[in-house]
Amino acid sequence: MGGLSDYVFAYGSLAGEIATAGDGRDGPRVATLAGRRRVWGVAADNAEAIPGYKQYLLRSDGSAPQVFVAFLDLADDPGCAVNGMLAPVDGERLAELDLRERNYDRVDVTAAIDKPPPGRVWTYVGSAAGRGRLAAGVRAQRAVVCRDYVESAHAAFLRLGGNEYERFLASSRLDGLPVLDLERVDLPLSEPAR
């Protein structure tokens, strides 16, 4: 079996998940993606309970607020570079990530990675629909961020040590949206029969 030739560049909460992953031959490493800035760029409409996806409940009362929950994205910014984690992936893992990252499109960013990468590098950038939901939420003043999500992104870069957290802050524009204390609930694929 040959070596892996595909990699994923993770720049948010996924960076924390893959920081300890790897197949033993070619584990994750810190990398930099040029020409982008980390922003709140996509959202899920929490009013929609999509089977097999997720919904957010207020920790205070368990209700599902009628908000648009924002997630990190990459915006074009020629004067900026985003740090993140580069991890090897196989076709099965890419398919899993494609399903998980349903607010995003997978794009080839190999040419924008700082050091010559060991293979083709993919990352996830906001889809038109995901970005449209965030824009709708901002217009309606109902766009929010989940506290756990914010904390997991910050924690991922704090764990990397060195100056990676400072680089995370410098390459991010993460203000402007209220933060709510929400609990993520993964919804089953279909409703049980009654």
Protein backbone atom coordinates (compact mmCIF):
# COMPACT_ATOMS: atom_id res chain seq x y z
CA MET A 1 0.00 0.00 0.00
CA GLY A 2 1.48 3.37 -1.04
CA GLY A 3 1.73 6.49 1.06
CA LEU A 4 -1.05 8.98 1.36
CA SER A 5 -0.94 11.78 -1.16
CA ASP A 6 -3.90 13.86 0.07
CA TYR A 7 -3.84 16.19 3.07
CA VAL A 8 -6.36 18.45 4.73
CA PHE A 9 -5.55 21.91 6.10
CA ALA A 10 -7.64 22.57 9.22
CA TYR A 11 -7.88 26.10 10.58
CA GLY A 12 -10.60 25.96 13.28
CA SER A 13 -12.04 23.40 15.65
CA LEU A 14 -11.02 20.60 13.27
CA ALA A 15 -7.39 21.61 13.88
CA GLY A 16 -7.77 20.45 17.48
CA GLU A 17 -9.23 17.14 16.40
CA ILE A 18 -6.46 16.32 13.95
CA ALA A 19 -3.59 17.64 16.07
CA THR A 20 -3.34 14.21 17.67
CA ALA A 21 -4.37 12.17 14.61
CA GLY A 22 -2.17 10.52 12.03
CA ASP A 23 -1.35 7.10 10.79
CA GLY A 24 2.07 6.80 12.39
CA ARG A 25 3.95 7.36 9.13
CA ASP A 26 3.15 10.96 8.37
CA GLY A 27 1.36 12.67 11.24
CA PRO A 28 -0.16 16.13 11.38
CA ARG A 29 2.03 19.22 11.39
CA VAL A 30 1.58 22.95 11.71
CA ALA A 31 1.32 24.70 8.34
CA THR A 32 0.45 28.12 6.97
CA LEU A 33 -1.98 28.99 4.19
CA ALA A 34 -1.17 32.26 2.44
CA GLY A 35 -3.67 34.82 1.18
CA ARG A 36 -6.53 34.07 3.59
CA ARG A 37 -7.95 35.33 6.90
CA ARG A 38 -10.03 33.37 9.43
CA VAL A 39 -13.54 34.89 9.85
CA TRP A 40 -17.09 33.98 10.83
CA GLY A 41 -18.23 33.10 7.33
CA VAL A 42 -20.94 30.44 7.28
CA ALA A 43 -23.95 29.54 9.38
CA ALA A 44 -26.52 26.87 9.99
CA ASP A 45 -30.17 27.88 10.40
CA ASN A 46 -31.03 26.54 13.84
CA ALA A 47 -34.75 26.74 13.00
CA GLU A 48 -34.24 23.76 10.67
CA ALA A 49 -33.97 20.35 12.32
CA ILE A 50 -32.21 18.40 9.55
CA PRO A 51 -32.06 14.62 10.14
CA GLY A 52 -28.45 13.46 10.46
CA TYR A 53 -27.16 16.99 11.14
CA LYS A 54 -27.04 19.02 14.33
CA GLN A 55 -29.09 21.54 16.23
CA TYR A 56 -28.24 23.83 19.13
CA LEU A 57 -30.17 24.17 22.39
CA LEU A 58 -29.86 26.90 25.00
CA ARG A 59 -28.18 25.42 28.07
CA SER A 60 -30.36 27.63 30.28
CA ASP A 61 -33.72 26.09 29.28
CA GLY A 62 -33.17 23.45 26.57
CA SER A 63 -35.04 25.38 23.89
CA ALA A 64 -33.86 25.63 20.29
CA PRO A 65 -33.41 29.36 19.62
CA GLN A 66 -34.39 30.69 16.20
CA VAL A 67 -30.85 31.82 15.34
CA PHE A 68 -28.21 31.27 12.70
CA VAL A 69 -25.19 29.57 14.30
CA ALA A 70 -21.95 30.83 12.74
CA PHE A 71 -18.79 28.85 12.02
CA LEU A 72 -15.28 29.71 10.91
CA ASP A 73 -14.45 30.25 7.27
CA LEU A 74 -11.58 31.60 5.19
CA ALA A 75 -11.85 34.97 3.47
CA ASP A 76 -9.48 36.11 0.74
CA ASP A 77 -6.87 38.50 2.18
CA PRO A 78 -3.63 38.89 0.21
CA GLY A 79 -1.87 40.47 3.20
CA CYS A 80 -2.61 37.67 5.64
CA ALA A 81 -1.68 34.03 6.23
CA VAL A 82 -3.63 31.57 8.37
CA ASN A 83 -1.95 28.97 10.55
CA GLY A 84 -3.50 25.55 10.97
CA MET A 85 -2.85 21.83 10.95
CA LEU A 86 -1.96 19.77 7.91
CA ALA A 87 -2.92 16.11 8.24
CA PRO A 88 -2.81 13.13 5.90
CA VAL A 89 -6.17 11.76 4.77
CA ASP A 90 -7.30 8.89 2.61
CA GLY A 91 -10.33 8.83 0.33
CA GLU A 92 -12.59 7.43 3.06
CA ARG A 93 -11.64 10.20 5.50
CA LEU A 94 -12.14 12.87 2.82
CA ALA A 95 -15.62 11.50 2.15
CA GLU A 96 -16.39 11.66 5.90
CA LEU A 97 -15.15 15.25 6.06
CA ASP A 98 -17.15 16.22 2.96
CA LEU A 99 -20.30 14.97 4.69
CA ARG A 100 -19.45 16.61 8.02
CA GLU A 101 -18.50 19.96 6.49
CA ARG A 102 -21.81 20.48 4.72
CA ASN A 103 -21.60 24.31 4.99
CA TYR A 104 -18.37 24.22 3.00
CA ASP A 105 -16.83 23.34 -0.34
CA ARG A 106 -13.57 21.39 -0.44
CA VAL A 107 -10.93 23.27 -2.47
CA ASP A 108 -7.35 22.52 -3.50
CA VAL A 109 -4.95 24.95 -1.75
CA THR A 110 -1.70 23.09 -2.41
CA ALA A 111 -0.03 26.08 -4.08
CA ALA A 112 -0.76 28.38 -1.09
CA ILE A 113 0.79 26.16 1.64
CA ASP A 114 3.99 27.64 3.12
CA LYS A 115 6.44 24.75 2.74
CA PRO A 116 6.36 22.40 -0.21
CA PRO A 117 3.58 20.06 0.89
CA PRO A 118 4.03 16.30 0.71
CA GLY A 119 0.99 15.94 -1.56
CA ARG A 120 -2.24 17.59 -2.63
CA VAL A 121 -3.73 19.80 0.12
CA TRP A 122 -7.44 20.42 0.55
CA THR A 123 -9.26 22.82 2.84
CA TYR A 124 -12.88 23.73 3.39
CA VAL A 125 -14.18 27.19 2.48
CA GLY A 126 -17.71 28.44 2.92
CA SER A 127 -20.22 27.32 0.32
CA ALA A 128 -22.48 29.92 -1.29
CA ALA A 129 -25.42 28.52 0.69
CA GLY A 130 -23.49 28.52 4.00
CA ARG A 131 -22.31 32.07 3.46
CA GLY A 132 -25.82 33.09 2.42
CA ARG A 133 -27.25 31.75 5.68
CA LEU A 134 -24.76 33.81 7.68
CA ALA A 135 -25.59 36.93 5.65
CA ALA A 136 -29.32 36.31 6.28
CA GLY A 137 -28.65 35.86 10.00
CA VAL A 138 -26.61 39.07 10.19
CA ARG A 139 -29.32 41.03 8.33
CA ALA A 140 -31.98 39.69 10.72
CA GLN A 141 -29.69 40.30 13.73
CA ARG A 142 -29.99 36.62 14.62
CA ALA A 143 -26.43 35.42 13.83
CA VAL A 144 -24.65 33.99 16.89
CA VAL A 145 -21.66 31.87 17.81
CA CYS A 146 -21.73 28.84 20.12
CA ARG A 147 -19.47 29.36 23.15
CA ASP A 148 -18.19 25.75 23.03
CA TYR A 149 -17.19 26.17 19.36
CA VAL A 150 -15.28 29.40 20.06
CA GLU A 151 -13.53 27.81 23.03
CA SER A 152 -12.57 24.67 21.08
CA ALA A 153 -10.99 26.74 18.30
CA HIS A 154 -8.99 28.83 20.77
CA ALA A 155 -7.98 25.71 22.74
CA ALA A 156 -6.73 23.96 19.60
CA PHE A 157 -4.19 26.71 18.93
CA LEU A 158 -3.23 27.14 22.58
CA ARG A 159 -2.33 23.41 22.64
CA LEU A 160 0.01 23.83 19.68
CA GLY A 161 2.36 25.87 21.85
CA GLY A 162 5.02 28.28 20.71
CA ASN A 163 3.56 31.35 19.13
CA GLU A 164 0.76 29.48 17.31
CA TYR A 165 -1.96 31.03 19.47
CA GLU A 166 -0.67 34.54 18.76
CA ARG A 167 -0.61 33.66 15.05
CA PHE A 168 -4.19 32.38 15.36
CA LEU A 169 -5.30 35.70 16.87
CA ALA A 170 -3.37 37.78 14.33
CA SER A 171 -4.89 35.91 11.36
CA SER A 172 -8.47 35.98 12.67
CA ARG A 173 -11.29 38.51 12.64
CA LEU A 174 -13.68 36.99 15.17
CA ASP A 175 -15.63 39.85 16.63
CA GLY A 176 -19.05 41.27 15.91
CA LEU A 177 -21.30 38.30 16.73
CA PRO A 178 -22.89 37.53 20.10
CA VAL A 179 -21.75 34.35 21.83
CA LEU A 180 -24.46 32.12 23.30
CA ASP A 181 -24.15 29.25 25.74
CA LEU A 182 -25.49 26.53 23.46
CA GLU A 183 -25.36 22.76 23.59
CA ARG A 184 -24.87 20.92 20.30
CA VAL A 185 -27.23 18.00 19.73
CA ASP A 186 -26.57 15.55 16.91
CA LEU A 187 -29.88 14.65 15.28
CA PRO A 188 -30.68 11.09 14.24
CA LEU A 189 -30.85 10.29 10.52
CA SER A 190 -34.62 9.90 10.66
CA GLU A 191 -37.40 10.37 13.14
CA PRO A 192 -38.45 7.21 14.98
CA ALA A 193 -41.83 5.78 14.00
CA ARG A 194 -44.65 6.69 16.36
